[in-house]
Amino acid sequence: MRLKLIQDFVNNNTIENLKEYNKFLIEKLKDASIQNNRVSTYMIAVVILYLFFKESTIKDVDLSFIKIEKFVIIAQLTPPLFSLLFLYYLLLNAHRAEMIQFSRILTYELYPNSLESKSSVVYREANTFARLIQPYSFWLETTKWDIDGKATTGDAILRLPVLLIVLSPLIFIIYILKILYFEYCDLTLSKYTFIFSIWVTIYTIYNLWRLLYQNYKWTQEV
């Protein structure tokens, strides 16, 4: 259904309008890439600070305006903070993926290439001209297939570390929730933050599954 809507949009607009809209998409993709890098930096900083305070021998940290006693506050506040950052990161990248696919189709319609089919334009990142004018994406560059769109067993094995990187935020959430539950759940604030973090994480996994399912349904339209 989504592909039909995009095709209807293309058919009912002039070449000039499509070029202008595609230009707007590219600019918006640049902004989304900046936001993506910023959120990624925040997530990495949270992980580093959490592990630092967990392994540190410092009992109290006095920041003049707040005094952090031991590791309790860090253990209580990190799960909800990180789970919200991960949810935002997931939704942002889902939005980026939708814009990228739309931009690829527009580029294909504006500058058709007889050697490419529409399905290859949407789903094969290696040989589409649209990819060259879009902002750099680490994920797309590391997961693109060969020129014929096929992946060998060696390709799949070499890209396993990329999958671990993608799953690492979820693994970290499980790790910090485990510590919060078994070591600090007797505290009232810990109970609230644990429940809230579990809810956000479940909602994030639900959105991830929904996005994957929608993308699968879209592949059936191409």
C-alpha atoms as a PDB file:
ATOM      1  CA  MET A   1       0.000   0.000   0.000  1.00  0.00           C
ATOM      2  CA  ARG A   2       2.804   2.438   0.833  1.00  0.00           C
ATOM      3  CA  LEU A   3       4.503   1.883  -2.520  1.00  0.00           C
ATOM      4  CA  LYS A   4       1.203   2.560  -4.296  1.00  0.00           C
ATOM      5  CA  LEU A   5       0.845   5.833  -2.399  1.00  0.00           C
ATOM      6  CA  ILE A   6       4.362   6.866  -3.403  1.00  0.00           C
ATOM      7  CA  GLN A   7       3.689   5.945  -7.025  1.00  0.00           C
ATOM      8  CA  ASP A   8       0.465   7.956  -6.940  1.00  0.00           C
ATOM      9  CA  PHE A   9       2.417  10.912  -5.544  1.00  0.00           C
ATOM     10  CA  VAL A  10       4.930  10.607  -8.388  1.00  0.00           C
ATOM     11  CA  ASN A  11       2.234  10.343 -11.067  1.00  0.00           C
ATOM     12  CA  ASN A  12       0.335  13.395  -9.831  1.00  0.00           C
ATOM     13  CA  ASN A  13       3.238  15.831  -9.579  1.00  0.00           C
ATOM     14  CA  THR A  14       5.400  17.608 -12.102  1.00  0.00           C
ATOM     15  CA  ILE A  15       9.092  16.874 -12.621  1.00  0.00           C
ATOM     16  CA  GLU A  16       9.939  20.244 -11.046  1.00  0.00           C
ATOM     17  CA  ASN A  17       7.872  19.438  -7.933  1.00  0.00           C
ATOM     18  CA  LEU A  18       9.458  16.001  -7.600  1.00  0.00           C
ATOM     19  CA  LYS A  19      12.955  17.455  -7.882  1.00  0.00           C
ATOM     20  CA  GLU A  20      12.140  20.058  -5.244  1.00  0.00           C
ATOM     21  CA  TYR A  21      10.662  17.452  -2.931  1.00  0.00           C
ATOM     22  CA  ASN A  22      13.642  15.138  -3.383  1.00  0.00           C
ATOM     23  CA  LYS A  23      15.961  18.038  -2.588  1.00  0.00           C
ATOM     24  CA  PHE A  24      13.954  18.669   0.583  1.00  0.00           C
ATOM     25  CA  LEU A  25      14.232  14.983   1.510  1.00  0.00           C
ATOM     26  CA  ILE A  26      18.031  15.069   1.130  1.00  0.00           C
ATOM     27  CA  GLU A  27      18.253  18.138   3.397  1.00  0.00           C
ATOM     28  CA  LYS A  28      16.012  16.512   5.967  1.00  0.00           C
ATOM     29  CA  LEU A  29      18.122  13.355   5.811  1.00  0.00           C
ATOM     30  CA  LYS A  30      21.194  15.451   6.636  1.00  0.00           C
ATOM     31  CA  ASP A  31      19.430  16.856   9.700  1.00  0.00           C
ATOM     32  CA  ALA A  32      18.307  13.372  10.746  1.00  0.00           C
ATOM     33  CA  SER A  33      21.877  12.088  10.385  1.00  0.00           C
ATOM     34  CA  ILE A  34      23.111  14.858  12.689  1.00  0.00           C
ATOM     35  CA  GLN A  35      20.453  13.952  15.261  1.00  0.00           C
ATOM     36  CA  ASN A  36      21.350  10.276  14.901  1.00  0.00           C
ATOM     37  CA  ASN A  37      25.026  10.985  15.601  1.00  0.00           C
ATOM     38  CA  ARG A  38      24.090  13.140  18.598  1.00  0.00           C
ATOM     39  CA  VAL A  39      21.846  10.485  20.149  1.00  0.00           C
ATOM     40  CA  SER A  40      24.479   7.806  19.515  1.00  0.00           C
ATOM     41  CA  THR A  41      27.030   9.964  21.362  1.00  0.00           C
ATOM     42  CA  TYR A  42      24.651  10.388  24.298  1.00  0.00           C
ATOM     43  CA  MET A  43      24.083   6.624  24.494  1.00  0.00           C
ATOM     44  CA  ILE A  44      27.813   5.878  24.427  1.00  0.00           C
ATOM     45  CA  ALA A  45      28.415   8.526  27.112  1.00  0.00           C
ATOM     46  CA  VAL A  46      25.735   6.971  29.353  1.00  0.00           C
ATOM     47  CA  VAL A  47      27.321   3.532  28.990  1.00  0.00           C
ATOM     48  CA  ILE A  48      30.806   4.844  29.797  1.00  0.00           C
ATOM     49  CA  LEU A  49      29.630   6.839  32.823  1.00  0.00           C
ATOM     50  CA  TYR A  50      27.597   3.909  34.140  1.00  0.00           C
ATOM     51  CA  LEU A  51      30.511   1.487  33.913  1.00  0.00           C
ATOM     52  CA  PHE A  52      32.880   4.080  35.367  1.00  0.00           C
ATOM     53  CA  PHE A  53      30.769   4.667  38.478  1.00  0.00           C
ATOM     54  CA  LYS A  54      30.063   0.945  38.833  1.00  0.00           C
ATOM     55  CA  GLU A  55      33.741   0.011  38.881  1.00  0.00           C
ATOM     56  CA  SER A  56      34.980   3.143  40.633  1.00  0.00           C
ATOM     57  CA  THR A  57      36.191   2.974  44.228  1.00  0.00           C
ATOM     58  CA  ILE A  58      34.828   6.485  44.822  1.00  0.00           C
ATOM     59  CA  LYS A  59      32.099   6.274  47.425  1.00  0.00           C
ATOM     60  CA  ASP A  60      30.627   9.749  47.011  1.00  0.00           C
ATOM     61  CA  VAL A  61      30.792  12.313  44.209  1.00  0.00           C
ATOM     62  CA  ASP A  62      30.223  15.911  45.246  1.00  0.00           C
ATOM     63  CA  LEU A  63      29.379  18.144  42.289  1.00  0.00           C
ATOM     64  CA  SER A  64      28.665  21.185  44.501  1.00  0.00           C
ATOM     65  CA  PHE A  65      25.030  21.290  43.377  1.00  0.00           C
ATOM     66  CA  ILE A  66      24.338  17.583  43.895  1.00  0.00           C
ATOM     67  CA  LYS A  67      25.905  14.778  45.879  1.00  0.00           C
ATOM     68  CA  ILE A  68      25.766  11.300  44.402  1.00  0.00           C
ATOM     69  CA  GLU A  69      25.959   8.664  47.103  1.00  0.00           C
ATOM     70  CA  LYS A  70      27.695   5.522  45.990  1.00  0.00           C
ATOM     71  CA  PHE A  71      26.241   3.864  42.895  1.00  0.00           C
ATOM     72  CA  VAL A  72      22.577   3.878  43.882  1.00  0.00           C
ATOM     73  CA  ILE A  73      21.409   6.974  42.016  1.00  0.00           C
ATOM     74  CA  ILE A  74      23.278   5.970  38.858  1.00  0.00           C
ATOM     75  CA  ALA A  75      21.762   2.479  38.992  1.00  0.00           C
ATOM     76  CA  GLN A  76      18.264   3.927  39.424  1.00  0.00           C
ATOM     77  CA  LEU A  77      18.349   6.638  36.764  1.00  0.00           C
ATOM     78  CA  THR A  78      20.348   4.974  33.987  1.00  0.00           C
ATOM     79  CA  PRO A  79      17.736   2.353  32.907  1.00  0.00           C
ATOM     80  CA  PRO A  80      14.900   4.819  32.176  1.00  0.00           C
ATOM     81  CA  LEU A  81      17.278   7.347  30.616  1.00  0.00           C
ATOM     82  CA  PHE A  82      19.003   4.837  28.350  1.00  0.00           C
ATOM     83  CA  SER A  83      15.793   3.036  27.383  1.00  0.00           C
ATOM     84  CA  LEU A  84      14.243   6.359  26.306  1.00  0.00           C
ATOM     85  CA  LEU A  85      17.346   7.230  24.297  1.00  0.00           C
ATOM     86  CA  PHE A  86      17.219   3.830  22.604  1.00  0.00           C
ATOM     87  CA  LEU A  87      13.520   4.267  21.764  1.00  0.00           C
ATOM     88  CA  TYR A  88      14.216   7.692  20.267  1.00  0.00           C
ATOM     89  CA  TYR A  89      17.180   6.258  18.335  1.00  0.00           C
ATOM     90  CA  LEU A  90      15.057   3.437  16.926  1.00  0.00           C
ATOM     91  CA  LEU A  91      12.185   5.689  15.835  1.00  0.00           C
ATOM     92  CA  LEU A  92      14.593   8.240  14.354  1.00  0.00           C
ATOM     93  CA  ASN A  93      16.330   5.593  12.259  1.00  0.00           C
ATOM     94  CA  ALA A  94      13.001   4.142  11.161  1.00  0.00           C
ATOM     95  CA  HIS A  95      12.045   7.609   9.958  1.00  0.00           C
ATOM     96  CA  ARG A  96      15.402   7.946   8.177  1.00  0.00           C
ATOM     97  CA  ALA A  97      14.923   4.569   6.485  1.00  0.00           C
ATOM     98  CA  GLU A  98      11.518   5.638   5.180  1.00  0.00           C
ATOM     99  CA  MET A  99      12.945   8.883   3.792  1.00  0.00           C
ATOM    100  CA  ILE A 100      15.855   7.010   2.185  1.00  0.00           C
ATOM    101  CA  GLN A 101      13.535   4.578   0.418  1.00  0.00           C
ATOM    102  CA  PHE A 102      11.273   7.407  -0.762  1.00  0.00           C
ATOM    103  CA  SER A 103      14.285   9.352  -2.039  1.00  0.00           C
ATOM    104  CA  ARG A 104      15.561   6.309  -3.917  1.00  0.00           C
ATOM    105  CA  ILE A 105      12.252   5.871  -5.702  1.00  0.00           C
ATOM    106  CA  LEU A 106      12.077   9.563  -6.596  1.00  0.00           C
ATOM    107  CA  THR A 107      15.632   9.484  -7.915  1.00  0.00           C
ATOM    108  CA  TYR A 108      14.800   6.401  -9.987  1.00  0.00           C
ATOM    109  CA  GLU A 109      11.716   8.109 -11.438  1.00  0.00           C
ATOM    110  CA  LEU A 110      13.580  11.343 -12.179  1.00  0.00           C
ATOM    111  CA  TYR A 111      16.720   9.709 -13.577  1.00  0.00           C
ATOM    112  CA  PRO A 112      15.720   6.212 -14.798  1.00  0.00           C
ATOM    113  CA  ASN A 113      18.419   3.610 -15.368  1.00  0.00           C
ATOM    114  CA  SER A 114      17.667   0.689 -17.668  1.00  0.00           C
ATOM    115  CA  LEU A 115      20.109  -1.547 -15.792  1.00  0.00           C
ATOM    116  CA  GLU A 116      18.178  -1.244 -12.515  1.00  0.00           C
ATOM    117  CA  SER A 117      14.734  -2.414 -11.542  1.00  0.00           C
ATOM    118  CA  LYS A 118      12.620  -0.567  -9.000  1.00  0.00           C
ATOM    119  CA  SER A 119      13.067  -3.369  -6.477  1.00  0.00           C
ATOM    120  CA  SER A 120      16.851  -3.083  -6.718  1.00  0.00           C
ATOM    121  CA  VAL A 121      16.596   0.667  -6.241  1.00  0.00           C
ATOM    122  CA  VAL A 122      14.652   0.234  -3.018  1.00  0.00           C
ATOM    123  CA  TYR A 123      16.420  -2.762  -1.481  1.00  0.00           C
ATOM    124  CA  ARG A 124      19.959  -2.983  -2.932  1.00  0.00           C
ATOM    125  CA  GLU A 125      22.153  -0.243  -1.565  1.00  0.00           C
ATOM    126  CA  ALA A 126      25.312  -1.142  -3.499  1.00  0.00           C
ATOM    127  CA  ASN A 127      24.369  -0.101  -7.019  1.00  0.00           C
ATOM    128  CA  THR A 128      21.818   2.723  -6.729  1.00  0.00           C
ATOM    129  CA  PHE A 129      22.661   6.263  -7.774  1.00  0.00           C
ATOM    130  CA  ALA A 130      20.358   7.624  -5.061  1.00  0.00           C
ATOM    131  CA  ARG A 131      22.704   6.296  -2.375  1.00  0.00           C
ATOM    132  CA  LEU A 132      25.532   8.457  -3.705  1.00  0.00           C
ATOM    133  CA  ILE A 133      23.667  11.726  -3.083  1.00  0.00           C
ATOM    134  CA  GLN A 134      22.304  10.760   0.330  1.00  0.00           C
ATOM    135  CA  PRO A 135      24.108  11.432   3.640  1.00  0.00           C
ATOM    136  CA  TYR A 136      26.649   8.810   4.685  1.00  0.00           C
ATOM    137  CA  SER A 137      25.220   5.950   6.722  1.00  0.00           C
ATOM    138  CA  PHE A 138      27.504   3.535   8.565  1.00  0.00           C
ATOM    139  CA  TRP A 139      24.754   0.926   8.717  1.00  0.00           C
ATOM    140  CA  LEU A 140      23.978   1.030   4.982  1.00  0.00           C
ATOM    141  CA  GLU A 141      27.638   0.943   4.000  1.00  0.00           C
ATOM    142  CA  THR A 142      28.363  -2.085   6.171  1.00  0.00           C
ATOM    143  CA  THR A 143      25.255  -4.035   5.145  1.00  0.00           C
ATOM    144  CA  LYS A 144      25.125  -3.372   1.406  1.00  0.00           C
ATOM    145  CA  TRP A 145      25.492  -6.404  -0.818  1.00  0.00           C
ATOM    146  CA  ASP A 146      27.627  -6.945  -3.889  1.00  0.00           C
ATOM    147  CA  ILE A 147      26.765  -5.419  -7.244  1.00  0.00           C
ATOM    148  CA  ASP A 148      24.420  -8.310  -8.098  1.00  0.00           C
ATOM    149  CA  GLY A 149      22.555  -7.907  -4.825  1.00  0.00           C
ATOM    150  CA  LYS A 150      23.546 -11.342  -3.496  1.00  0.00           C
ATOM    151  CA  ALA A 151      25.300 -12.139  -0.238  1.00  0.00           C
ATOM    152  CA  THR A 152      27.716 -15.028   0.213  1.00  0.00           C
ATOM    153  CA  THR A 153      28.201 -17.047   3.405  1.00  0.00           C
ATOM    154  CA  GLY A 154      31.477 -15.221   3.946  1.00  0.00           C
ATOM    155  CA  ASP A 155      29.689 -11.869   3.722  1.00  0.00           C
ATOM    156  CA  ALA A 156      27.190 -12.936   6.355  1.00  0.00           C
ATOM    157  CA  ILE A 157      29.902 -14.162   8.739  1.00  0.00           C
ATOM    158  CA  LEU A 158      31.997 -11.013   8.362  1.00  0.00           C
ATOM    159  CA  ARG A 159      28.966  -8.859   9.113  1.00  0.00           C
ATOM    160  CA  LEU A 160      28.013 -10.640  12.341  1.00  0.00           C
ATOM    161  CA  PRO A 161      29.888  -8.017  14.443  1.00  0.00           C
ATOM    162  CA  VAL A 162      27.638  -5.366  12.879  1.00  0.00           C
ATOM    163  CA  LEU A 163      24.612  -7.270  14.178  1.00  0.00           C
ATOM    164  CA  LEU A 164      26.142  -7.324  17.654  1.00  0.00           C
ATOM    165  CA  ILE A 165      26.625  -3.552  17.467  1.00  0.00           C
ATOM    166  CA  VAL A 166      22.973  -3.115  16.534  1.00  0.00           C
ATOM    167  CA  LEU A 167      21.830  -5.342  19.412  1.00  0.00           C
ATOM    168  CA  SER A 168      24.280  -3.910  21.973  1.00  0.00           C
ATOM    169  CA  PRO A 169      21.869  -1.219  23.308  1.00  0.00           C
ATOM    170  CA  LEU A 170      19.252  -3.876  24.061  1.00  0.00           C
ATOM    171  CA  ILE A 171      21.888  -6.095  25.690  1.00  0.00           C
ATOM    172  CA  PHE A 172      23.019  -3.168  27.853  1.00  0.00           C
ATOM    173  CA  ILE A 173      19.438  -2.441  28.921  1.00  0.00           C
ATOM    174  CA  ILE A 174      18.980  -6.048  30.038  1.00  0.00           C
ATOM    175  CA  TYR A 175      22.291  -5.852  31.905  1.00  0.00           C
ATOM    176  CA  ILE A 176      21.462  -2.689  33.865  1.00  0.00           C
ATOM    177  CA  LEU A 177      17.908  -3.835  34.582  1.00  0.00           C
ATOM    178  CA  LYS A 178      19.286  -7.052  36.035  1.00  0.00           C
ATOM    179  CA  ILE A 179      21.560  -5.080  38.389  1.00  0.00           C
ATOM    180  CA  LEU A 180      18.731  -2.742  39.370  1.00  0.00           C
ATOM    181  CA  TYR A 181      16.348  -5.602  40.122  1.00  0.00           C
ATOM    182  CA  PHE A 182      18.670  -7.890  42.084  1.00  0.00           C
ATOM    183  CA  GLU A 183      20.656  -5.258  43.984  1.00  0.00           C
ATOM    184  CA  TYR A 184      18.462  -2.187  44.494  1.00  0.00           C
ATOM    185  CA  CYS A 185      14.838  -3.182  43.978  1.00  0.00           C
ATOM    186  CA  ASP A 186      14.110  -2.948  47.716  1.00  0.00           C
ATOM    187  CA  LEU A 187      14.177   0.854  47.298  1.00  0.00           C
ATOM    188  CA  THR A 188      10.973   2.646  46.288  1.00  0.00           C
ATOM    189  CA  LEU A 189      12.523   4.715  43.492  1.00  0.00           C
ATOM    190  CA  SER A 190      14.178   1.610  42.080  1.00  0.00           C
ATOM    191  CA  LYS A 191      10.811  -0.132  41.770  1.00  0.00           C
ATOM    192  CA  TYR A 192       9.308   2.769  39.833  1.00  0.00           C
ATOM    193  CA  THR A 193      12.278   3.156  37.505  1.00  0.00           C
ATOM    194  CA  PHE A 194      12.420  -0.597  36.920  1.00  0.00           C
ATOM    195  CA  ILE A 195       8.745  -0.793  35.947  1.00  0.00           C
ATOM    196  CA  PHE A 196       9.004   2.285  33.724  1.00  0.00           C
ATOM    197  CA  SER A 197      12.160   0.982  32.011  1.00  0.00           C
ATOM    198  CA  ILE A 198      10.551  -2.408  31.385  1.00  0.00           C
ATOM    199  CA  TRP A 199       7.526  -0.691  29.812  1.00  0.00           C
ATOM    200  CA  VAL A 200       9.716   1.491  27.546  1.00  0.00           C
ATOM    201  CA  THR A 201      11.830  -1.511  26.526  1.00  0.00           C
ATOM    202  CA  ILE A 202       8.782  -3.629  25.669  1.00  0.00           C
ATOM    203  CA  TYR A 203       7.350  -0.722  23.695  1.00  0.00           C
ATOM    204  CA  THR A 204      10.675  -0.370  21.861  1.00  0.00           C
ATOM    205  CA  ILE A 205      10.776  -4.076  20.973  1.00  0.00           C
ATOM    206  CA  TYR A 206       7.163  -3.857  19.801  1.00  0.00           C
ATOM    207  CA  ASN A 207       8.004  -0.927  17.532  1.00  0.00           C
ATOM    208  CA  LEU A 208      11.048  -2.771  16.202  1.00  0.00           C
ATOM    209  CA  TRP A 209       8.940  -5.811  15.351  1.00  0.00           C
ATOM    210  CA  ARG A 210       6.225  -3.615  13.792  1.00  0.00           C
ATOM    211  CA  LEU A 211       8.756  -1.797  11.602  1.00  0.00           C
ATOM    212  CA  LEU A 212      10.341  -5.048  10.448  1.00  0.00           C
ATOM    213  CA  TYR A 213       6.909  -6.449   9.642  1.00  0.00           C
ATOM    214  CA  GLN A 214       5.918  -3.338   7.684  1.00  0.00           C
ATOM    215  CA  ASN A 215       9.138  -3.507   5.687  1.00  0.00           C
ATOM    216  CA  TYR A 216       8.452  -7.176   4.957  1.00  0.00           C
ATOM    217  CA  LYS A 217       4.948  -6.329   3.732  1.00  0.00           C
ATOM    218  CA  TRP A 218       6.395  -3.601   1.548  1.00  0.00           C
ATOM    219  CA  THR A 219       8.790  -6.044  -0.109  1.00  0.00           C
ATOM    220  CA  GLN A 220       5.760  -8.007  -1.260  1.00  0.00           C
ATOM    221  CA  GLU A 221       4.555  -4.947  -3.197  1.00  0.00           C
ATOM    222  CA  VAL A 222       7.761  -4.405  -5.185  1.00  0.00           C
END
